[in-house]
Amino acid sequence: MNASTQQFLDFVVSNQADAVIGKSGFIDLGILRRSQTEGDARRAALVDEVARYDVGFEGEIISNMIAEMDQHDRLSTTFRFRTGSSNIDERGRLDTQRLIAYLQRAPEGTEVTFVGFTDDVGAFDANQRLAEQRAAAVMEELRAFAGEQLDNIQMSAAGFGEIAPSACNVSERGRGINRRVEVWISKTMES
């Protein structure tokens, strides 16, 4: 690859390109922060869902997720996975670089939780374990990639399995969207 091609590719994946991409009507790759509090539609759907389960394993997992949502905002960075896999793809590696740059600006003690989800293929408890494995894999990849750059950040991983799908699980495309790790950040970090 020649130098001008490399310069172009470096620009396209840079923070400076985000504004140009957004103004052009395309989806930029910049990281946005979203609240998950009372007005959030996903949170409201989960509250309705936990009322249906009332007690039991699934209801407890949903209640735990709602409690975590109340303590964290969600970042727009989402890592996707192939069926049964916890390996980060090339897009995930690019997102890791952007996430490190974003988190470097976070104040000391900021808490980041990597939150894993799955499609609904398989047993609920196995899916929850896979979701936790995926979240832990993303966290470890980020730590390895960042080195000492994120020593001011406290990181943890959680998995909620197949609850809170982002798409219908009736097609491979929908299931692929649901196999993900989201990045949640403590509400104490200033925007």
N, C-alpha and C. Protein backbone atom coordinates (compact mmCIF):
# COMPACT_ATOMS: atom_id res chain seq x y z
N MET A 1 0.85 -1.17 0.00
CA MET A 1 0.00 0.00 0.00
C MET A 1 0.90 1.24 0.00
N ASN A 2 0.56 2.20 -0.84
CA ASN A 2 1.40 3.40 -0.91
C ASN A 2 1.02 4.37 0.22
N ALA A 3 1.84 5.38 0.42
CA ALA A 3 1.69 6.33 1.53
C ALA A 3 0.38 7.11 1.47
N SER A 4 -0.04 7.55 0.29
CA SER A 4 -1.28 8.34 0.20
C SER A 4 -2.50 7.48 0.52
N THR A 5 -2.49 6.23 0.11
CA THR A 5 -3.60 5.33 0.45
C THR A 5 -3.65 5.13 1.96
N GLN A 6 -2.51 4.93 2.58
CA GLN A 6 -2.46 4.73 4.03
C GLN A 6 -2.94 5.98 4.76
N GLN A 7 -2.55 7.17 4.28
CA GLN A 7 -3.01 8.41 4.90
C GLN A 7 -4.53 8.53 4.81
N PHE A 8 -5.10 8.18 3.66
CA PHE A 8 -6.54 8.23 3.48
C PHE A 8 -7.23 7.28 4.45
N LEU A 9 -6.76 6.05 4.55
CA LEU A 9 -7.36 5.07 5.45
C LEU A 9 -7.24 5.51 6.90
N ASP A 10 -6.11 6.07 7.27
CA ASP A 10 -5.94 6.57 8.64
C ASP A 10 -6.93 7.68 8.94
N PHE A 11 -7.16 8.58 7.96
CA PHE A 11 -8.12 9.66 8.15
C PHE A 11 -9.54 9.12 8.29
N VAL A 12 -9.93 8.17 7.44
CA VAL A 12 -11.29 7.65 7.43
C VAL A 12 -11.68 7.06 8.79
N VAL A 13 -10.75 6.44 9.51
CA VAL A 13 -11.07 5.84 10.80
C VAL A 13 -10.72 6.76 11.96
N SER A 14 -10.37 8.01 11.69
CA SER A 14 -9.98 8.95 12.75
C SER A 14 -11.19 9.71 13.28
N ASN A 15 -10.99 10.34 14.43
CA ASN A 15 -12.04 11.18 15.02
C ASN A 15 -12.35 12.39 14.14
N GLN A 16 -11.35 12.90 13.41
CA GLN A 16 -11.55 14.05 12.55
C GLN A 16 -12.53 13.74 11.42
N ALA A 17 -12.55 12.50 10.98
CA ALA A 17 -13.44 12.11 9.87
C ALA A 17 -14.90 12.03 10.32
N ASP A 18 -15.14 11.83 11.61
CA ASP A 18 -16.52 11.66 12.10
C ASP A 18 -17.43 12.82 11.72
N ALA A 19 -16.94 14.04 11.88
CA ALA A 19 -17.77 15.22 11.57
C ALA A 19 -18.09 15.26 10.08
N VAL A 20 -17.12 14.98 9.25
CA VAL A 20 -17.34 14.99 7.80
C VAL A 20 -18.33 13.89 7.41
N ILE A 21 -18.16 12.73 7.98
CA ILE A 21 -19.05 11.60 7.68
C ILE A 21 -20.47 11.91 8.12
N GLY A 22 -20.63 12.45 9.33
CA GLY A 22 -21.95 12.80 9.84
C GLY A 22 -22.66 13.85 8.99
N LYS A 23 -21.94 14.87 8.55
CA LYS A 23 -22.51 15.92 7.71
C LYS A 23 -22.92 15.40 6.34
N SER A 24 -22.30 14.33 5.90
CA SER A 24 -22.61 13.73 4.60
C SER A 24 -23.85 12.86 4.65
N GLY A 25 -24.41 12.66 5.83
CA GLY A 25 -25.61 11.84 5.95
C GLY A 25 -25.32 10.38 6.27
N PHE A 26 -24.06 10.02 6.40
CA PHE A 26 -23.71 8.66 6.77
C PHE A 26 -23.61 8.56 8.29
N ILE A 27 -23.57 7.36 8.79
CA ILE A 27 -23.44 7.15 10.23
C ILE A 27 -21.97 7.26 10.59
N ASP A 28 -21.66 8.22 11.46
CA ASP A 28 -20.26 8.35 11.86
C ASP A 28 -19.92 7.29 12.91
N LEU A 29 -18.66 7.09 13.13
CA LEU A 29 -18.20 6.08 14.07
C LEU A 29 -17.86 6.67 15.43
N GLY A 30 -18.17 7.96 15.63
CA GLY A 30 -17.90 8.60 16.90
C GLY A 30 -18.71 7.94 18.02
N ILE A 31 -18.23 8.10 19.23
CA ILE A 31 -18.88 7.48 20.38
C ILE A 31 -19.85 8.48 21.01
N LEU A 32 -21.09 8.07 21.10
CA LEU A 32 -22.13 8.88 21.73
C LEU A 32 -22.53 8.24 23.05
N ARG A 33 -22.98 9.07 23.97
CA ARG A 33 -23.40 8.61 25.29
C ARG A 33 -24.91 8.75 25.40
N ARG A 34 -25.58 7.69 25.84
CA ARG A 34 -27.04 7.69 25.94
C ARG A 34 -27.48 7.29 27.34
N SER A 35 -28.47 7.99 27.85
CA SER A 35 -29.02 7.67 29.16
C SER A 35 -29.87 6.40 29.09
N GLN A 36 -29.91 5.66 30.17
CA GLN A 36 -30.74 4.45 30.25
C GLN A 36 -31.73 4.55 31.42
N THR A 37 -32.15 5.75 31.74
CA THR A 37 -33.01 5.95 32.90
C THR A 37 -34.47 5.80 32.54
N GLU A 38 -35.34 6.32 33.39
CA GLU A 38 -36.79 6.15 33.29
C GLU A 38 -37.38 6.33 31.90
N GLY A 39 -36.92 7.29 31.12
CA GLY A 39 -37.50 7.56 29.81
C GLY A 39 -37.02 6.64 28.70
N ASP A 40 -36.07 5.75 28.98
CA ASP A 40 -35.51 4.86 27.97
C ASP A 40 -36.51 3.76 27.62
N ALA A 41 -36.79 3.59 26.32
CA ALA A 41 -37.79 2.61 25.87
C ALA A 41 -37.37 1.18 26.22
N ARG A 42 -36.09 0.86 26.09
CA ARG A 42 -35.65 -0.50 26.42
C ARG A 42 -35.84 -0.77 27.90
N ARG A 43 -35.53 0.20 28.74
CA ARG A 43 -35.72 0.03 30.18
C ARG A 43 -37.19 -0.20 30.50
N ALA A 44 -38.06 0.57 29.88
CA ALA A 44 -39.50 0.41 30.12
C ALA A 44 -39.98 -0.98 29.71
N ALA A 45 -39.49 -1.48 28.58
CA ALA A 45 -39.86 -2.83 28.13
C ALA A 45 -39.38 -3.89 29.11
N LEU A 46 -38.21 -3.69 29.68
CA LEU A 46 -37.69 -4.64 30.66
C LEU A 46 -38.51 -4.63 31.95
N VAL A 47 -38.94 -3.45 32.37
CA VAL A 47 -39.79 -3.35 33.56
C VAL A 47 -41.09 -4.13 33.32
N ASP A 48 -41.67 -3.99 32.14
CA ASP A 48 -42.87 -4.76 31.80
C ASP A 48 -42.58 -6.25 31.78
N GLU A 49 -41.43 -6.62 31.25
CA GLU A 49 -41.05 -8.03 31.14
C GLU A 49 -40.84 -8.66 32.52
N VAL A 50 -40.19 -7.95 33.43
CA VAL A 50 -39.95 -8.51 34.77
C VAL A 50 -41.26 -8.71 35.51
N ALA A 51 -42.26 -7.89 35.22
CA ALA A 51 -43.57 -8.06 35.84
C ALA A 51 -44.20 -9.39 35.40
N ARG A 52 -43.92 -9.82 34.17
CA ARG A 52 -44.45 -11.11 33.68
C ARG A 52 -43.78 -12.29 34.36
N TYR A 53 -42.46 -12.20 34.59
CA TYR A 53 -41.75 -13.32 35.21
C TYR A 53 -41.93 -13.33 36.72
N ASP A 54 -42.12 -12.16 37.32
CA ASP A 54 -42.31 -11.97 38.74
C ASP A 54 -41.13 -12.51 39.55
N VAL A 55 -41.00 -13.80 39.64
CA VAL A 55 -39.88 -14.41 40.36
C VAL A 55 -39.21 -15.41 39.45
N GLY A 56 -38.12 -15.95 39.91
CA GLY A 56 -37.43 -16.95 39.11
C GLY A 56 -36.16 -16.40 38.50
N PHE A 57 -35.44 -17.29 37.86
CA PHE A 57 -34.12 -16.98 37.32
C PHE A 57 -34.16 -15.84 36.30
N GLU A 58 -35.04 -15.94 35.29
CA GLU A 58 -35.11 -14.92 34.26
C GLU A 58 -35.50 -13.57 34.83
N GLY A 59 -36.48 -13.57 35.72
CA GLY A 59 -36.91 -12.31 36.35
C GLY A 59 -35.81 -11.67 37.16
N GLU A 60 -35.00 -12.48 37.84
CA GLU A 60 -33.88 -11.97 38.62
C GLU A 60 -32.82 -11.35 37.71
N ILE A 61 -32.54 -12.00 36.59
CA ILE A 61 -31.56 -11.46 35.64
C ILE A 61 -32.04 -10.12 35.08
N ILE A 62 -33.32 -10.05 34.71
CA ILE A 62 -33.87 -8.80 34.18
C ILE A 62 -33.81 -7.70 35.24
N SER A 63 -34.17 -8.03 36.49
CA SER A 63 -34.11 -7.04 37.57
C SER A 63 -32.69 -6.54 37.79
N ASN A 64 -31.72 -7.46 37.71
CA ASN A 64 -30.31 -7.06 37.85
C ASN A 64 -29.90 -6.11 36.73
N MET A 65 -30.38 -6.39 35.52
CA MET A 65 -30.03 -5.53 34.39
C MET A 65 -30.62 -4.13 34.58
N ILE A 66 -31.86 -4.06 35.02
CA ILE A 66 -32.50 -2.76 35.25
C ILE A 66 -31.73 -1.97 36.31
N ALA A 67 -31.31 -2.65 37.37
CA ALA A 67 -30.54 -1.98 38.42
C ALA A 67 -29.22 -1.43 37.87
N GLU A 68 -28.56 -2.19 37.01
CA GLU A 68 -27.31 -1.73 36.40
C GLU A 68 -27.56 -0.56 35.45
N MET A 69 -28.67 -0.62 34.70
CA MET A 69 -29.01 0.47 33.78
C MET A 69 -29.19 1.79 34.54
N ASP A 70 -29.75 1.70 35.74
CA ASP A 70 -29.97 2.90 36.54
C ASP A 70 -28.66 3.57 36.97
N GLN A 71 -27.57 2.79 37.01
CA GLN A 71 -26.28 3.30 37.45
C GLN A 71 -25.35 3.69 36.30
N HIS A 72 -25.74 3.32 35.07
CA HIS A 72 -24.85 3.51 33.92
C HIS A 72 -25.56 4.14 32.73
N ASP A 73 -24.81 4.92 31.97
CA ASP A 73 -25.22 5.33 30.64
C ASP A 73 -24.64 4.33 29.66
N ARG A 74 -25.16 4.31 28.45
CA ARG A 74 -24.66 3.39 27.43
C ARG A 74 -23.89 4.19 26.39
N LEU A 75 -22.73 3.67 26.00
CA LEU A 75 -21.98 4.26 24.90
C LEU A 75 -22.42 3.60 23.61
N SER A 76 -22.30 4.30 22.50
CA SER A 76 -22.79 3.79 21.22
C SER A 76 -21.92 2.67 20.64
N THR A 77 -20.74 2.47 21.17
CA THR A 77 -19.86 1.40 20.69
C THR A 77 -20.47 0.05 21.06
N THR A 78 -20.64 -0.81 20.06
CA THR A 78 -21.17 -2.16 20.27
C THR A 78 -20.32 -3.15 19.49
N PHE A 79 -19.92 -4.21 20.17
CA PHE A 79 -19.12 -5.27 19.54
C PHE A 79 -20.04 -6.42 19.18
N ARG A 80 -19.91 -6.97 17.96
CA ARG A 80 -20.76 -8.06 17.46
C ARG A 80 -19.95 -9.34 17.32
N PHE A 81 -20.66 -10.48 17.35
CA PHE A 81 -20.00 -11.79 17.34
C PHE A 81 -20.71 -12.78 16.43
N ARG A 82 -19.95 -13.74 15.94
CA ARG A 82 -20.52 -14.86 15.19
C ARG A 82 -21.15 -15.85 16.17
N THR A 83 -21.98 -16.74 15.68
CA THR A 83 -22.64 -17.74 16.51
C THR A 83 -21.61 -18.51 17.35
N GLY A 84 -21.84 -18.57 18.65
CA GLY A 84 -21.01 -19.34 19.56
C GLY A 84 -19.61 -18.79 19.80
N SER A 85 -19.25 -17.68 19.18
CA SER A 85 -17.89 -17.14 19.26
C SER A 85 -17.80 -16.00 20.27
N SER A 86 -16.61 -15.87 20.85
CA SER A 86 -16.33 -14.71 21.69
C SER A 86 -15.09 -13.97 21.16
N ASN A 87 -14.78 -14.17 19.88
CA ASN A 87 -13.64 -13.51 19.25
C ASN A 87 -14.06 -12.17 18.64
N ILE A 88 -13.26 -11.15 18.89
CA ILE A 88 -13.52 -9.82 18.34
C ILE A 88 -13.06 -9.78 16.89
N ASP A 89 -13.89 -9.21 16.01
CA ASP A 89 -13.55 -9.11 14.59
C ASP A 89 -12.75 -7.83 14.32
N GLU A 90 -12.41 -7.61 13.05
CA GLU A 90 -11.61 -6.44 12.67
C GLU A 90 -12.33 -5.13 13.01
N ARG A 91 -13.62 -5.06 12.78
CA ARG A 91 -14.39 -3.85 13.12
C ARG A 91 -14.30 -3.59 14.63
N GLY A 92 -14.37 -4.67 15.41
CA GLY A 92 -14.25 -4.54 16.86
C GLY A 92 -12.90 -3.98 17.28
N ARG A 93 -11.86 -4.36 16.56
CA ARG A 93 -10.53 -3.84 16.89
C ARG A 93 -10.44 -2.34 16.61
N LEU A 94 -11.06 -1.89 15.52
CA LEU A 94 -11.11 -0.45 15.24
C LEU A 94 -11.92 0.28 16.30
N ASP A 95 -13.04 -0.31 16.70
CA ASP A 95 -13.86 0.29 17.76
C ASP A 95 -13.11 0.34 19.09
N THR A 96 -12.26 -0.64 19.32
CA THR A 96 -11.45 -0.66 20.54
C THR A 96 -10.55 0.56 20.59
N GLN A 97 -9.93 0.91 19.47
CA GLN A 97 -9.06 2.09 19.42
C GLN A 97 -9.85 3.36 19.73
N ARG A 98 -11.03 3.49 19.16
CA ARG A 98 -11.87 4.67 19.40
C ARG A 98 -12.31 4.73 20.87
N LEU A 99 -12.65 3.57 21.42
CA LEU A 99 -13.09 3.51 22.81
C LEU A 99 -11.96 3.91 23.76
N ILE A 100 -10.76 3.46 23.49
CA ILE A 100 -9.62 3.85 24.32
C ILE A 100 -9.43 5.36 24.29
N ALA A 101 -9.49 5.96 23.11
CA ALA A 101 -9.34 7.42 23.00
C ALA A 101 -10.44 8.14 23.78
N TYR A 102 -11.66 7.63 23.71
CA TYR A 102 -12.78 8.25 24.44
C TYR A 102 -12.57 8.13 25.95
N LEU A 103 -12.19 6.94 26.41
CA LEU A 103 -12.06 6.69 27.85
C LEU A 103 -10.84 7.37 28.47
N GLN A 104 -9.86 7.72 27.67
CA GLN A 104 -8.69 8.42 28.20
C GLN A 104 -9.08 9.77 28.79
N ARG A 105 -10.18 10.33 28.33
CA ARG A 105 -10.65 11.63 28.83
C ARG A 105 -11.51 11.49 30.09
N ALA A 106 -11.79 10.27 30.49
CA ALA A 106 -12.67 10.03 31.65
C ALA A 106 -11.94 10.35 32.96
N PRO A 107 -12.68 10.86 33.94
CA PRO A 107 -12.04 11.16 35.23
C PRO A 107 -11.63 9.88 35.98
N GLU A 108 -10.69 10.05 36.87
CA GLU A 108 -10.21 8.96 37.72
C GLU A 108 -11.39 8.26 38.39
N GLY A 109 -11.38 6.93 38.38
CA GLY A 109 -12.42 6.16 39.06
C GLY A 109 -13.67 5.88 38.24
N THR A 110 -13.71 6.34 37.00
CA THR A 110 -14.86 6.04 36.15
C THR A 110 -15.00 4.52 36.02
N GLU A 111 -16.23 4.05 36.11
CA GLU A 111 -16.50 2.62 35.99
C GLU A 111 -17.07 2.32 34.61
N VAL A 112 -16.49 1.33 33.94
CA VAL A 112 -16.96 0.88 32.64
C VAL A 112 -17.32 -0.59 32.78
N THR A 113 -18.52 -0.93 32.33
CA THR A 113 -18.96 -2.33 32.36
C THR A 113 -19.22 -2.78 30.94
N PHE A 114 -18.61 -3.89 30.57
CA PHE A 114 -18.85 -4.51 29.28
C PHE A 114 -19.98 -5.50 29.49
N VAL A 115 -21.07 -5.31 28.73
CA VAL A 115 -22.30 -6.04 28.98
C VAL A 115 -22.62 -6.92 27.76
N GLY A 116 -22.59 -8.24 27.98
CA GLY A 116 -22.78 -9.19 26.90
C GLY A 116 -24.22 -9.67 26.75
N PHE A 117 -24.59 -9.92 25.49
CA PHE A 117 -25.91 -10.45 25.14
C PHE A 117 -25.74 -11.53 24.08
N THR A 118 -26.76 -12.37 23.93
CA THR A 118 -26.75 -13.43 22.93
C THR A 118 -28.06 -13.43 22.16
N ASP A 119 -28.13 -14.29 21.15
CA ASP A 119 -29.42 -14.57 20.52
C ASP A 119 -30.15 -15.57 21.42
N ASP A 120 -31.31 -16.06 20.99
CA ASP A 120 -32.08 -16.97 21.84
C ASP A 120 -31.91 -18.45 21.49
N VAL A 121 -30.88 -18.76 20.69
CA VAL A 121 -30.62 -20.15 20.34
C VAL A 121 -29.86 -20.80 21.49
N GLY A 122 -30.43 -21.85 22.05
CA GLY A 122 -29.79 -22.55 23.16
C GLY A 122 -30.49 -22.27 24.48
N ALA A 123 -29.97 -22.91 25.52
CA ALA A 123 -30.55 -22.77 26.86
C ALA A 123 -30.23 -21.41 27.45
N PHE A 124 -31.16 -20.89 28.25
CA PHE A 124 -31.02 -19.56 28.84
C PHE A 124 -29.73 -19.44 29.65
N ASP A 125 -29.45 -20.39 30.53
CA ASP A 125 -28.27 -20.29 31.38
C ASP A 125 -26.97 -20.41 30.58
N ALA A 126 -26.96 -21.24 29.53
CA ALA A 126 -25.79 -21.34 28.66
C ALA A 126 -25.57 -20.03 27.90
N ASN A 127 -26.66 -19.41 27.47
CA ASN A 127 -26.55 -18.12 26.78
C ASN A 127 -26.02 -17.04 27.71
N GLN A 128 -26.44 -17.08 28.97
CA GLN A 128 -25.94 -16.09 29.91
C GLN A 128 -24.43 -16.27 30.11
N ARG A 129 -23.97 -17.50 30.23
CA ARG A 129 -22.53 -17.74 30.38
C ARG A 129 -21.76 -17.27 29.15
N LEU A 130 -22.29 -17.55 27.95
CA LEU A 130 -21.64 -17.10 26.72
C LEU A 130 -21.59 -15.57 26.68
N ALA A 131 -22.66 -14.91 27.10
CA ALA A 131 -22.69 -13.45 27.13
C ALA A 131 -21.61 -12.91 28.07
N GLU A 132 -21.44 -13.55 29.22
CA GLU A 132 -20.39 -13.15 30.16
C GLU A 132 -19.00 -13.36 29.56
N GLN A 133 -18.81 -14.48 28.85
CA GLN A 133 -17.52 -14.76 28.21
C GLN A 133 -17.20 -13.70 27.16
N ARG A 134 -18.20 -13.33 26.37
CA ARG A 134 -17.98 -12.31 25.35
C ARG A 134 -17.62 -10.97 25.99
N ALA A 135 -18.33 -10.60 27.03
CA ALA A 135 -18.06 -9.33 27.70
C ALA A 135 -16.64 -9.33 28.30
N ALA A 136 -16.26 -10.44 28.92
CA ALA A 136 -14.92 -10.55 29.50
C ALA A 136 -13.85 -10.50 28.40
N ALA A 137 -14.12 -11.12 27.26
CA ALA A 137 -13.16 -11.12 26.14
C ALA A 137 -12.94 -9.70 25.62
N VAL A 138 -14.01 -8.93 25.48
CA VAL A 138 -13.88 -7.54 25.02
C VAL A 138 -13.10 -6.73 26.05
N MET A 139 -13.42 -6.90 27.33
CA MET A 139 -12.73 -6.17 28.39
C MET A 139 -11.23 -6.49 28.37
N GLU A 140 -10.89 -7.76 28.28
CA GLU A 140 -9.48 -8.15 28.27
C GLU A 140 -8.76 -7.64 27.02
N GLU A 141 -9.44 -7.69 25.88
CA GLU A 141 -8.83 -7.16 24.64
C GLU A 141 -8.56 -5.66 24.79
N LEU A 142 -9.51 -4.94 25.36
CA LEU A 142 -9.33 -3.50 25.56
C LEU A 142 -8.17 -3.23 26.51
N ARG A 143 -8.11 -3.97 27.62
CA ARG A 143 -7.01 -3.79 28.57
C ARG A 143 -5.66 -4.06 27.91
N ALA A 144 -5.59 -5.14 27.14
CA ALA A 144 -4.33 -5.50 26.48
C ALA A 144 -3.93 -4.43 25.46
N PHE A 145 -4.90 -3.94 24.71
CA PHE A 145 -4.65 -2.94 23.68
C PHE A 145 -4.25 -1.60 24.30
N ALA A 146 -4.88 -1.24 25.41
CA ALA A 146 -4.67 0.07 26.03
C ALA A 146 -3.40 0.13 26.86
N GLY A 147 -2.97 -1.00 27.38
CA GLY A 147 -1.82 -0.98 28.28
C GLY A 147 -2.11 -0.11 29.48
N GLU A 148 -1.23 0.83 29.78
CA GLU A 148 -1.39 1.70 30.95
C GLU A 148 -2.27 2.92 30.67
N GLN A 149 -2.73 3.09 29.44
CA GLN A 149 -3.49 4.28 29.07
C GLN A 149 -4.80 4.42 29.85
N LEU A 150 -5.37 3.31 30.32
CA LEU A 150 -6.66 3.37 31.00
C LEU A 150 -6.56 2.92 32.46
N ASP A 151 -5.42 3.18 33.09
CA ASP A 151 -5.25 2.80 34.49
C ASP A 151 -6.22 3.54 35.42
N ASN A 152 -6.77 4.66 34.95
CA ASN A 152 -7.71 5.44 35.77
C ASN A 152 -9.14 4.91 35.70
N ILE A 153 -9.38 3.87 34.89
CA ILE A 153 -10.71 3.32 34.67
C ILE A 153 -10.87 2.00 35.40
N GLN A 154 -12.00 1.82 36.07
CA GLN A 154 -12.34 0.54 36.69
C GLN A 154 -13.21 -0.22 35.70
N MET A 155 -12.83 -1.44 35.36
CA MET A 155 -13.57 -2.22 34.37
C MET A 155 -14.13 -3.49 34.98
N SER A 156 -15.31 -3.87 34.49
CA SER A 156 -15.92 -5.14 34.87
C SER A 156 -16.71 -5.67 33.68
N ALA A 157 -17.13 -6.92 33.79
CA ALA A 157 -17.90 -7.56 32.72
C ALA A 157 -19.14 -8.21 33.31
N ALA A 158 -20.22 -8.17 32.54
CA ALA A 158 -21.48 -8.80 32.95
C ALA A 158 -22.13 -9.40 31.71
N GLY A 159 -22.99 -10.37 31.92
CA GLY A 159 -23.70 -10.98 30.81
C GLY A 159 -25.15 -11.18 31.15
N PHE A 160 -26.04 -10.79 30.25
CA PHE A 160 -27.47 -10.93 30.47
C PHE A 160 -28.11 -11.88 29.47
N GLY A 161 -27.31 -12.58 28.70
CA GLY A 161 -27.83 -13.62 27.81
C GLY A 161 -28.76 -13.06 26.75
N GLU A 162 -29.90 -13.70 26.63
CA GLU A 162 -30.82 -13.40 25.54
C GLU A 162 -31.86 -12.34 25.86
N ILE A 163 -31.83 -11.79 27.08
CA ILE A 163 -32.82 -10.75 27.39
C ILE A 163 -32.46 -9.46 26.65
N ALA A 164 -33.42 -8.60 26.47
CA ALA A 164 -33.25 -7.29 25.81
C ALA A 164 -32.69 -7.41 24.41
N PRO A 165 -33.31 -8.22 23.54
CA PRO A 165 -32.81 -8.31 22.17
C PRO A 165 -32.95 -6.97 21.45
N SER A 166 -32.00 -6.71 20.55
CA SER A 166 -32.04 -5.50 19.73
C SER A 166 -32.80 -5.73 18.43
N ALA A 167 -32.99 -7.00 18.07
CA ALA A 167 -33.68 -7.37 16.83
C ALA A 167 -34.43 -8.68 17.07
N CYS A 168 -35.28 -9.04 16.12
CA CYS A 168 -36.01 -10.31 16.22
C CYS A 168 -35.05 -11.48 16.04
N ASN A 169 -35.27 -12.54 16.77
CA ASN A 169 -34.42 -13.72 16.68
C ASN A 169 -34.90 -14.72 15.64
N VAL A 170 -35.80 -14.32 14.73
CA VAL A 170 -36.37 -15.25 13.75
C VAL A 170 -35.51 -15.41 12.51
N SER A 171 -34.50 -14.56 12.34
CA SER A 171 -33.62 -14.67 11.17
C SER A 171 -32.17 -14.61 11.62
N GLU A 172 -31.28 -15.09 10.77
CA GLU A 172 -29.85 -15.03 11.11
C GLU A 172 -29.39 -13.59 11.26
N ARG A 173 -29.92 -12.69 10.43
CA ARG A 173 -29.57 -11.27 10.54
C ARG A 173 -29.95 -10.72 11.92
N GLY A 174 -31.16 -11.00 12.36
CA GLY A 174 -31.61 -10.54 13.68
C GLY A 174 -30.79 -11.15 14.81
N ARG A 175 -30.54 -12.45 14.71
CA ARG A 175 -29.74 -13.12 15.74
C ARG A 175 -28.32 -12.53 15.78
N GLY A 176 -27.77 -12.19 14.59
CA GLY A 176 -26.44 -11.57 14.54
C GLY A 176 -26.40 -10.23 15.24
N ILE A 177 -27.46 -9.47 15.14
CA ILE A 177 -27.54 -8.17 15.82
C ILE A 177 -27.60 -8.36 17.34
N ASN A 178 -28.23 -9.44 17.78
CA ASN A 178 -28.39 -9.69 19.21
C ASN A 178 -27.13 -10.24 19.88
N ARG A 179 -26.22 -10.81 19.11
CA ARG A 179 -24.96 -11.33 19.66
C ARG A 179 -23.99 -10.15 19.78
N ARG A 180 -23.97 -9.52 20.94
CA ARG A 180 -23.25 -8.25 21.07
C ARG A 180 -22.72 -8.04 22.48
N VAL A 181 -21.78 -7.11 22.58
CA VAL A 181 -21.32 -6.58 23.86
C VAL A 181 -21.47 -5.07 23.79
N GLU A 182 -22.22 -4.53 24.73
CA GLU A 182 -22.39 -3.09 24.85
C GLU A 182 -21.40 -2.56 25.87
N VAL A 183 -21.16 -1.26 25.82
CA VAL A 183 -20.25 -0.61 26.76
C VAL A 183 -21.06 0.38 27.58
N TRP A 184 -21.11 0.15 28.90
CA TRP A 184 -21.84 1.02 29.81
C TRP A 184 -20.84 1.75 30.68
N ILE A 185 -21.13 3.03 30.96
CA ILE A 185 -20.22 3.87 31.71
C ILE A 185 -20.96 4.50 32.89
N SER A 186 -20.29 4.58 34.03
CA SER A 186 -20.94 5.11 35.24
C SER A 186 -21.45 6.52 34.99
N LYS A 187 -22.60 6.81 35.58
CA LYS A 187 -23.23 8.11 35.40
C LYS A 187 -22.42 9.25 35.99
N THR A 188 -21.45 8.94 36.84
CA THR A 188 -20.66 9.98 37.48
C THR A 188 -19.69 10.67 36.55
N MET A 189 -19.40 10.03 35.38
CA MET A 189 -18.49 10.68 34.42
C MET A 189 -19.19 11.85 33.76
N GLU A 190 -18.53 12.98 33.72
CA GLU A 190 -19.11 14.14 33.05
C GLU A 190 -19.04 13.95 31.55
N SER A 191 -20.09 14.40 30.85
CA SER A 191 -20.13 14.27 29.38
C SER A 191 -19.12 15.14 28.72
